[in-house]
Amino acid sequence: MTSYVERLRLLLIPSLSSSSFIVGYVCPNLKSLSINGLFGTTARYGVDYFSRARTDKIEPHEYIEDDSPDELNAADSKYSYWLKEHPSALRAFQGIMKAAVGKQIVIFLDYDGTLTPIVDEPDRAFMSDAMRSAVGEVAKHFPTAIISGRSRNKVYQFVKLDEVYYAGSHGMDIMGPPTKLKSYSYEGKYHTNALDKKGDELSIFQPAKEFLPAIQEILDKMQKGTSDIEGVLIEDNGFCISVHYRHVAQVDYGPLEKKVLSVLAGYPRFHLTRGKKVLEIRPSIQWNKGNALAYLLDTLGFASSSRVLPIYIGDDRTDEDAFKVLRRRGVGYPIIVSSAPRDTLALCSLQDPSEVLSFLIRLARWVSS
């Protein structure tokens, strides 16, 4: 099997047979990762694999003022340097496709910030018709899954594509056809059958189902306890609760944080994580987007296969768990969506959802040709 370093070199060298140029740079972090033996191994995805989730430190709400020209130039310079380590997946597209020859491509996508821009009102994060069409075309040719922190039902309402796998609540609620959504590692545990609106049978995988009663208790207390704070939005995401503070005044963030932690203190089996302007309360099981990715690969028959090329595109820190799985497996391409330099395990990058759209369109055209 071609090593991860060799495949990355293939990805990031000039293409002599093409008019396009692929960035000529190899990520320096790969050497240390390779020495530690993280490549060429298969990562287990079971509940016993990842380290136990912990309560992250909550930093004060930040308000960023307009940057000066000098600061903007410095930021551009840092981003240019960052792009050398995380080259554009659009410029590297042909290299990625070379690595895909003879392999089954599997596509994993985050939703907010990836398929649609981050918006002030979470309920208005609508997917464009162009993006829906692109995702649908890709899903016709490759197994495609959307792994989101939102509830599975909400993501489905936004996307409305039946040929896509849906993993909501950071992968704690996965839905797919019963003939495909089966994992021998669980021998039926956490699986239930259901019917969709058309009467077709579905298989649902929910490793945190036992936490649902407690989640509803926390949701009720959180809504009542924060009702006096203007701008806060509590979102029920099925197996996790999101506390959005994008519209909360800076002076009110401290009291909001205390209220959230006060409620959480009564539920030791839950923990707190952070996203973009959001605090999330989740069950403390060892399950995240990385586990969901590995589980879906298992159900598709690629648990330990070298004939698969997973591509995961996401913008949030919770997507780093999925990036970590791909890096440990030594296969696939984790792609971060970001227009600013940031710490990430991703190999490539895309600036924003518009570039994600371009990448998916190119992928659909590539397989059609």
Protein backbone atom coordinates (compact mmCIF):
# COMPACT_ATOMS: atom_id res chain seq x y z
CA MET A 1 0.00 0.00 0.00
CA THR A 2 1.33 3.43 -0.89
CA SER A 3 2.39 5.26 2.26
CA TYR A 4 0.62 8.41 3.39
CA VAL A 5 3.76 10.48 2.91
CA GLU A 6 4.24 9.13 -0.62
CA ARG A 7 0.61 9.84 -1.49
CA LEU A 8 0.94 13.37 -0.15
CA ARG A 9 4.05 13.89 -2.26
CA LEU A 10 2.06 12.70 -5.26
CA LEU A 11 -0.64 15.20 -4.35
CA LEU A 12 1.62 18.20 -3.86
CA ILE A 13 4.01 18.16 -6.83
CA PRO A 14 3.77 19.92 -10.20
CA SER A 15 1.65 17.99 -12.69
CA LEU A 16 3.65 17.55 -15.87
CA SER A 17 0.70 16.09 -17.77
CA SER A 18 -1.65 18.95 -16.98
CA SER A 19 -1.83 22.66 -17.61
CA SER A 20 -2.67 23.26 -13.95
CA PHE A 21 -0.08 23.50 -11.19
CA ILE A 22 -0.34 21.68 -7.90
CA VAL A 23 1.38 23.29 -4.93
CA GLY A 24 4.84 21.83 -4.45
CA TYR A 25 5.05 21.38 -0.70
CA VAL A 26 5.04 18.48 1.74
CA CYS A 27 3.60 19.06 5.21
CA PRO A 28 6.53 19.01 7.69
CA ASN A 29 4.37 17.51 10.44
CA LEU A 30 4.14 14.20 8.59
CA LYS A 31 7.64 13.10 9.60
CA SER A 32 6.91 13.17 13.32
CA LEU A 33 3.54 11.50 12.80
CA SER A 34 5.10 8.78 10.68
CA ILE A 35 7.82 8.13 13.25
CA ASN A 36 5.16 7.70 15.91
CA GLY A 37 3.65 4.93 13.81
CA LEU A 38 0.34 6.62 13.14
CA PHE A 39 0.27 5.79 9.44
CA GLY A 40 -0.62 2.51 7.83
CA THR A 41 -2.69 1.42 10.83
CA THR A 42 -6.42 0.95 11.16
CA ALA A 43 -8.18 3.00 13.82
CA ARG A 44 -10.88 1.30 15.85
CA TYR A 45 -14.05 3.31 16.19
CA GLY A 46 -15.72 1.56 19.13
CA VAL A 47 -16.90 3.31 22.28
CA ASP A 48 -13.72 2.12 24.02
CA TYR A 49 -11.33 3.71 21.53
CA PHE A 50 -11.14 7.44 22.14
CA SER A 51 -10.09 9.08 25.40
CA ARG A 52 -12.90 10.14 27.69
CA ALA A 53 -14.47 13.47 26.84
CA ARG A 54 -13.67 16.30 29.21
CA THR A 55 -15.07 19.72 30.08
CA ASP A 56 -13.21 22.33 28.03
CA LYS A 57 -12.17 25.63 29.52
CA ILE A 58 -14.60 28.34 28.47
CA GLU A 59 -12.88 31.49 27.24
CA PRO A 60 -14.51 34.94 27.46
CA HIS A 61 -16.68 36.05 24.58
CA GLU A 62 -14.47 37.99 22.13
CA TYR A 63 -15.45 41.01 20.08
CA ILE A 64 -13.09 41.75 17.19
CA GLU A 65 -12.66 45.31 15.96
CA ASP A 66 -11.71 46.29 12.41
CA ASP A 67 -8.08 45.56 11.61
CA SER A 68 -5.61 48.19 10.49
CA PRO A 69 -3.97 47.87 7.02
CA ASP A 70 -0.73 46.66 8.63
CA GLU A 71 -2.60 44.01 10.59
CA LEU A 72 -4.42 42.89 7.44
CA ASN A 73 -1.14 42.57 5.54
CA ALA A 74 0.33 40.52 8.39
CA ALA A 75 -2.75 38.31 8.40
CA ASP A 76 -2.45 37.77 4.63
CA SER A 77 1.19 36.79 5.07
CA LYS A 78 0.33 34.27 7.79
CA TYR A 79 -2.47 32.82 5.67
CA SER A 80 -0.16 32.47 2.67
CA TYR A 81 2.35 30.57 4.80
CA TRP A 82 -0.44 28.43 6.26
CA LEU A 83 -1.57 27.55 2.73
CA LYS A 84 1.83 26.01 2.08
CA GLU A 85 1.10 23.47 4.80
CA HIS A 86 -2.60 23.14 3.91
CA PRO A 87 -2.81 23.74 0.14
CA SER A 88 -6.07 24.45 -1.62
CA ALA A 89 -7.96 21.27 -2.44
CA LEU A 90 -9.00 22.95 -5.69
CA ARG A 91 -5.41 23.41 -6.83
CA ALA A 92 -4.55 19.93 -5.56
CA PHE A 93 -7.63 18.33 -7.11
CA GLN A 94 -5.82 16.36 -9.81
CA GLY A 95 -3.38 14.97 -7.27
CA ILE A 96 -6.25 13.80 -5.09
CA MET A 97 -7.86 12.12 -8.07
CA LYS A 98 -4.59 10.37 -8.93
CA ALA A 99 -4.59 8.90 -5.43
CA ALA A 100 -8.19 7.77 -6.00
CA VAL A 101 -7.42 5.57 -9.01
CA GLY A 102 -8.57 2.01 -8.29
CA LYS A 103 -10.17 3.02 -4.99
CA GLN A 104 -13.68 3.69 -3.73
CA ILE A 105 -14.14 7.36 -2.86
CA VAL A 106 -16.37 8.00 0.17
CA ILE A 107 -17.44 11.58 0.91
CA PHE A 108 -18.05 13.00 4.41
CA LEU A 109 -19.36 16.55 4.85
CA ASP A 110 -20.08 18.85 7.77
CA TYR A 111 -23.11 21.12 7.33
CA ASP A 112 -22.85 24.56 8.97
CA GLY A 113 -19.86 26.50 7.65
CA THR A 114 -19.21 23.84 5.01
CA LEU A 115 -22.33 23.33 2.91
CA THR A 116 -23.81 26.64 3.99
CA PRO A 117 -22.31 29.83 5.48
CA ILE A 118 -22.48 30.40 9.23
CA VAL A 119 -25.57 32.54 9.87
CA ASP A 120 -26.81 34.55 12.83
CA GLU A 121 -30.03 32.53 13.11
CA PRO A 122 -29.36 28.73 13.14
CA ASP A 123 -32.86 27.97 11.83
CA ARG A 124 -32.08 29.98 8.69
CA ALA A 125 -28.98 28.06 7.61
CA PHE A 126 -30.58 27.11 4.33
CA MET A 127 -28.68 25.15 1.69
CA SER A 128 -28.58 26.73 -1.76
CA ASP A 129 -30.12 24.90 -4.69
CA ALA A 130 -26.70 24.79 -6.36
CA MET A 131 -25.13 23.12 -3.32
CA ARG A 132 -27.99 20.64 -3.02
CA SER A 133 -27.60 19.74 -6.68
CA ALA A 134 -23.83 19.28 -6.31
CA VAL A 135 -24.15 17.07 -3.22
CA GLY A 136 -26.86 15.05 -4.96
CA GLU A 137 -24.69 14.51 -8.04
CA VAL A 138 -21.74 13.39 -5.91
CA ALA A 139 -23.99 11.03 -3.93
CA LYS A 140 -25.10 9.35 -7.17
CA HIS A 141 -21.55 8.11 -7.70
CA PHE A 142 -20.00 7.87 -4.22
CA PRO A 143 -21.31 6.96 -0.76
CA THR A 144 -21.93 10.36 0.84
CA ALA A 145 -22.61 11.22 4.48
CA ILE A 146 -23.32 14.48 6.27
CA ILE A 147 -22.00 14.50 9.85
CA SER A 148 -23.30 17.48 11.83
CA GLY A 149 -23.69 18.70 15.37
CA ARG A 150 -27.31 19.48 14.60
CA SER A 151 -30.09 16.97 15.09
CA ARG A 152 -30.40 14.43 12.30
CA ASN A 153 -33.95 15.56 11.50
CA LYS A 154 -32.92 19.21 11.15
CA VAL A 155 -30.08 18.38 8.79
CA TYR A 156 -32.40 16.25 6.68
CA GLN A 157 -34.93 19.10 6.52
CA PHE A 158 -32.21 21.39 5.19
CA VAL A 159 -30.64 18.94 2.73
CA LYS A 160 -33.65 16.90 1.56
CA LEU A 161 -31.63 14.25 -0.28
CA ASP A 162 -32.67 10.64 0.28
CA GLU A 163 -29.48 9.16 -1.18
CA VAL A 164 -27.31 10.66 1.58
CA TYR A 165 -26.41 9.15 4.97
CA TYR A 166 -27.22 11.47 7.88
CA ALA A 167 -25.28 11.53 11.14
CA GLY A 168 -26.68 14.09 13.58
CA SER A 169 -25.64 15.14 17.09
CA HIS A 170 -21.94 14.78 16.22
CA GLY A 171 -22.51 11.23 14.99
CA MET A 172 -24.65 9.99 17.89
CA ASP A 173 -27.69 9.58 15.63
CA ILE A 174 -27.01 7.90 12.26
CA MET A 175 -29.62 6.97 9.66
CA GLY A 176 -29.31 4.91 6.51
CA PRO A 177 -30.80 2.02 4.52
CA PRO A 178 -31.03 -1.20 6.60
CA THR A 179 -29.16 -3.26 4.00
CA LYS A 180 -26.18 -0.95 4.28
CA LEU A 181 -26.22 0.47 7.80
CA LYS A 182 -24.96 -2.58 9.71
CA SER A 183 -21.82 -3.04 11.75
CA TYR A 184 -20.61 -6.47 12.81
CA SER A 185 -18.57 -4.84 15.57
CA TYR A 186 -21.79 -4.01 17.43
CA GLU A 187 -23.80 -7.13 16.51
CA GLY A 188 -27.00 -5.11 16.41
CA LYS A 189 -26.38 -3.09 19.57
CA TYR A 190 -27.74 0.47 19.45
CA HIS A 191 -29.65 -0.30 16.22
CA THR A 192 -33.39 0.18 15.73
CA ASN A 193 -35.59 0.03 12.64
CA ALA A 194 -38.00 2.74 11.54
CA LEU A 195 -40.09 3.82 8.56
CA ASP A 196 -39.72 7.02 6.59
CA LYS A 197 -42.65 9.08 5.28
CA LYS A 198 -42.83 6.90 2.18
CA GLY A 199 -43.06 3.74 4.27
CA ASP A 200 -39.54 2.59 3.40
CA GLU A 201 -37.59 0.87 6.14
CA LEU A 202 -34.62 2.65 7.68
CA SER A 203 -31.96 1.60 10.14
CA ILE A 204 -31.03 4.01 12.92
CA PHE A 205 -27.88 3.80 15.05
CA GLN A 206 -27.93 5.70 18.37
CA PRO A 207 -25.10 4.88 20.82
CA ALA A 208 -26.33 7.53 23.32
CA LYS A 209 -30.02 6.63 23.36
CA GLU A 210 -30.07 5.97 27.12
CA PHE A 211 -29.23 9.66 27.73
CA LEU A 212 -32.36 11.07 26.06
CA PRO A 213 -34.45 11.51 29.27
CA ALA A 214 -31.62 13.38 30.99
CA ILE A 215 -31.05 15.52 27.90
CA GLN A 216 -34.66 16.68 28.02
CA GLU A 217 -34.26 17.54 31.72
CA ILE A 218 -31.14 19.59 31.00
CA LEU A 219 -32.85 21.31 28.08
CA ASP A 220 -35.78 22.37 30.27
CA LYS A 221 -33.50 23.69 33.05
CA MET A 222 -31.26 25.47 30.55
CA GLN A 223 -34.18 27.24 28.89
CA LYS A 224 -35.60 28.39 32.23
CA GLY A 225 -32.22 29.28 33.73
CA THR A 226 -31.10 31.49 30.84
CA SER A 227 -34.43 33.12 30.00
CA ASP A 228 -33.33 36.42 31.57
CA ILE A 229 -30.26 36.76 29.30
CA GLU A 230 -31.01 38.67 26.12
CA GLY A 231 -29.79 37.14 22.87
CA VAL A 232 -29.20 33.57 24.05
CA LEU A 233 -30.63 30.79 21.89
CA ILE A 234 -31.02 27.23 23.19
CA GLU A 235 -31.17 24.61 20.44
CA ASP A 236 -32.33 21.03 20.95
CA ASN A 237 -30.11 18.90 18.73
CA GLY A 238 -31.42 15.53 19.79
CA PHE A 239 -28.48 14.02 21.62
CA CYS A 240 -26.79 17.30 22.48
CA ILE A 241 -27.87 20.81 23.47
CA SER A 242 -26.43 23.93 21.84
CA VAL A 243 -26.31 27.26 23.69
CA HIS A 244 -25.78 29.93 21.02
CA TYR A 245 -24.37 33.23 22.30
CA ARG A 246 -23.71 35.07 19.02
CA HIS A 247 -26.24 37.77 20.00
CA VAL A 248 -25.34 37.89 23.70
CA ALA A 249 -23.73 41.12 24.96
CA GLN A 250 -20.17 40.79 26.21
CA VAL A 251 -21.19 41.83 29.72
CA ASP A 252 -23.72 38.98 29.84
CA TYR A 253 -21.42 36.20 28.70
CA GLY A 254 -19.93 35.59 32.17
CA PRO A 255 -23.33 35.13 33.83
CA LEU A 256 -24.43 32.89 30.94
CA GLU A 257 -21.39 30.69 31.34
CA LYS A 258 -22.02 30.36 35.08
CA LYS A 259 -25.64 29.37 34.51
CA VAL A 260 -24.66 26.73 31.96
CA LEU A 261 -21.99 25.27 34.22
CA SER A 262 -24.38 25.36 37.19
CA VAL A 263 -26.94 23.23 35.35
CA LEU A 264 -24.23 20.91 34.05
CA ALA A 265 -22.88 20.36 37.58
CA GLY A 266 -25.98 18.32 38.38
CA TYR A 267 -25.33 15.92 35.52
CA PRO A 268 -21.88 14.32 35.87
CA ARG A 269 -22.44 12.06 32.85
CA PHE A 270 -22.44 15.09 30.54
CA HIS A 271 -19.68 17.44 29.47
CA LEU A 272 -19.24 20.80 27.76
CA THR A 273 -17.54 21.52 24.42
CA ARG A 274 -17.13 24.70 22.38
CA GLY A 275 -17.88 25.59 18.80
CA LYS A 276 -18.24 28.85 16.89
CA LYS A 277 -20.14 31.15 19.27
CA VAL A 278 -21.80 28.13 20.85
CA LEU A 279 -21.49 26.00 23.99
CA GLU A 280 -22.56 22.40 23.56
CA ILE A 281 -23.66 19.92 26.20
CA ARG A 282 -23.10 16.29 25.26
CA PRO A 283 -23.25 12.86 26.90
CA SER A 284 -19.85 11.77 28.18
CA ILE A 285 -19.54 8.74 25.98
CA GLN A 286 -16.44 8.20 23.90
CA TRP A 287 -18.16 9.00 20.62
CA ASN A 288 -17.64 11.89 18.21
CA LYS A 289 -17.48 12.68 14.50
CA GLY A 290 -14.37 10.55 14.17
CA ASN A 291 -16.18 7.51 15.57
CA ALA A 292 -19.10 8.20 13.23
CA LEU A 293 -16.79 8.34 10.21
CA ALA A 294 -15.12 5.05 11.16
CA TYR A 295 -18.50 3.44 11.87
CA LEU A 296 -19.84 4.43 8.46
CA LEU A 297 -16.72 3.12 6.72
CA ASP A 298 -17.26 -0.16 8.59
CA THR A 299 -20.90 -0.41 7.51
CA LEU A 300 -19.83 0.17 3.91
CA GLY A 301 -17.34 -2.68 4.13
CA PHE A 302 -14.16 -0.61 4.35
CA ALA A 303 -13.21 -1.14 8.01
CA SER A 304 -9.63 -2.16 7.21
CA SER A 305 -9.54 -1.82 3.44
CA SER A 306 -6.73 -0.12 1.56
CA ARG A 307 -9.00 0.24 -1.47
CA VAL A 308 -10.93 3.19 -0.11
CA LEU A 309 -10.27 6.94 -0.27
CA PRO A 310 -12.32 8.85 2.32
CA ILE A 311 -12.57 12.62 1.81
CA TYR A 312 -13.85 14.58 4.81
CA ILE A 313 -14.65 18.30 4.49
CA GLY A 314 -15.45 20.34 7.61
CA ASP A 315 -14.86 23.73 9.20
CA ASP A 316 -15.35 23.22 12.95
CA ARG A 317 -13.05 22.04 15.71
CA THR A 318 -15.37 19.05 16.18
CA ASP A 319 -14.37 17.94 12.67
CA GLU A 320 -10.80 17.54 13.90
CA ASP A 321 -11.86 14.25 15.52
CA ALA A 322 -12.66 12.93 12.04
CA PHE A 323 -9.42 14.35 10.64
CA LYS A 324 -7.56 12.50 13.38
CA VAL A 325 -9.13 9.18 12.37
CA LEU A 326 -8.07 9.62 8.75
CA ARG A 327 -4.53 10.56 9.76
CA ARG A 328 -4.27 7.51 12.02
CA ARG A 329 -5.68 5.22 9.36
CA GLY A 330 -3.21 6.55 6.83
CA VAL A 331 -5.84 6.88 4.11
CA GLY A 332 -7.94 9.68 2.71
CA TYR A 333 -7.87 13.45 2.69
CA PRO A 334 -9.11 15.61 5.57
CA ILE A 335 -9.97 19.07 4.19
CA ILE A 336 -10.51 22.09 6.46
CA VAL A 337 -12.82 24.95 5.44
CA SER A 338 -11.15 28.14 6.65
CA SER A 339 -10.16 31.56 5.31
CA ALA A 340 -7.72 32.15 8.16
CA PRO A 341 -4.75 30.19 9.52
CA ARG A 342 -5.60 27.78 12.34
CA ASP A 343 -4.26 24.65 13.99
CA THR A 344 -5.63 21.62 12.19
CA LEU A 345 -4.88 18.02 11.27
CA ALA A 346 -6.26 18.63 7.78
CA LEU A 347 -4.00 18.07 4.78
CA CYS A 348 -5.78 20.48 2.41
CA SER A 349 -8.07 23.47 2.71
CA LEU A 350 -10.95 25.32 1.09
CA GLN A 351 -11.70 28.94 1.94
CA ASP A 352 -15.47 28.88 2.28
CA PRO A 353 -18.66 27.07 1.21
CA SER A 354 -18.38 28.53 -2.29
CA GLU A 355 -15.08 26.68 -2.73
CA VAL A 356 -16.66 23.54 -1.27
CA LEU A 357 -19.29 23.87 -3.99
CA SER A 358 -16.59 24.20 -6.65
CA PHE A 359 -14.80 21.12 -5.31
CA LEU A 360 -17.97 19.00 -5.33
CA ILE A 361 -18.87 20.13 -8.85
CA ARG A 362 -15.39 19.20 -10.08
CA LEU A 363 -15.68 15.83 -8.37
CA ALA A 364 -19.03 15.11 -10.03
CA ARG A 365 -17.67 16.15 -13.42
CA TRP A 366 -14.53 14.07 -12.91
CA VAL A 367 -16.44 10.85 -12.31
CA SER A 368 -18.88 11.61 -15.14
CA SER A 369 -16.01 12.04 -17.60
